[in-house]
Amino acid sequence: MKTCKVKIDNLLSSQDKMKLWSWSYDQAKIYNQVLQYAKEVNFDYKQMHLVGKNYRNELDMSSPAKMSQNTVIRLINNWKGFLSLRKTDDTARAPSRFASTWNFQPLIIDYNSGSGFKIKEGKLELRADYKSFLSIQLPDYAIEQLEAVDGSIVEIKFHICDGDFYLYLTLKDEVN
């Protein structure tokens, strides 16, 4: 796998940036809700997925469902790591909730043919329910890397570093 890092801060409008911040806020709330459920009620991986899904639907969150699903998967993996570590290390601590929901959380969407994202005419389109939510014109070097792997993206990740937005495209290995 190969990763292409694209600084998108100058490619986003202020409205698009607010949309990403809003989605991040949604993901932090889902993470905290599922974590609270796991600690207080029941520790069941399948049920944790349902809690995240139902919480997102109840609050009618605007973030794509695939993002929420990946947030819950990340929490479950954190729990699995904690449980595995606890067997050999008494000082291991359980995953903690986000103290502030306004710290930007990485937004991850893996490839899904139904919705999620699509590359069209050099633009990355985030989609949900077959509607475009966010469109980003990719720079030439990112398009060249995409063409080298036949446009095969495994996942995309939005991240913020030093106040700037970045997009990470995880690409499949080069096609021979």
Foldseek 3Di string as FASTA:
>chain_A
DDKDKDFCQVQDDVVRVVVQLQLLLLLLVLLQQLVVCCVPPHPDLVVSQVSSVVVCVVVVRPHAPQQSNVSSVVLVVQQVVQVVVCVPDVVRDRDDGDPDSRPGDKGKGFDDVPAAWDQDPQWIFHGHPNDTDDIGRGDPVVVVVCVQQVNAFGMWIWDADPRTIMIMTHGDPGDD
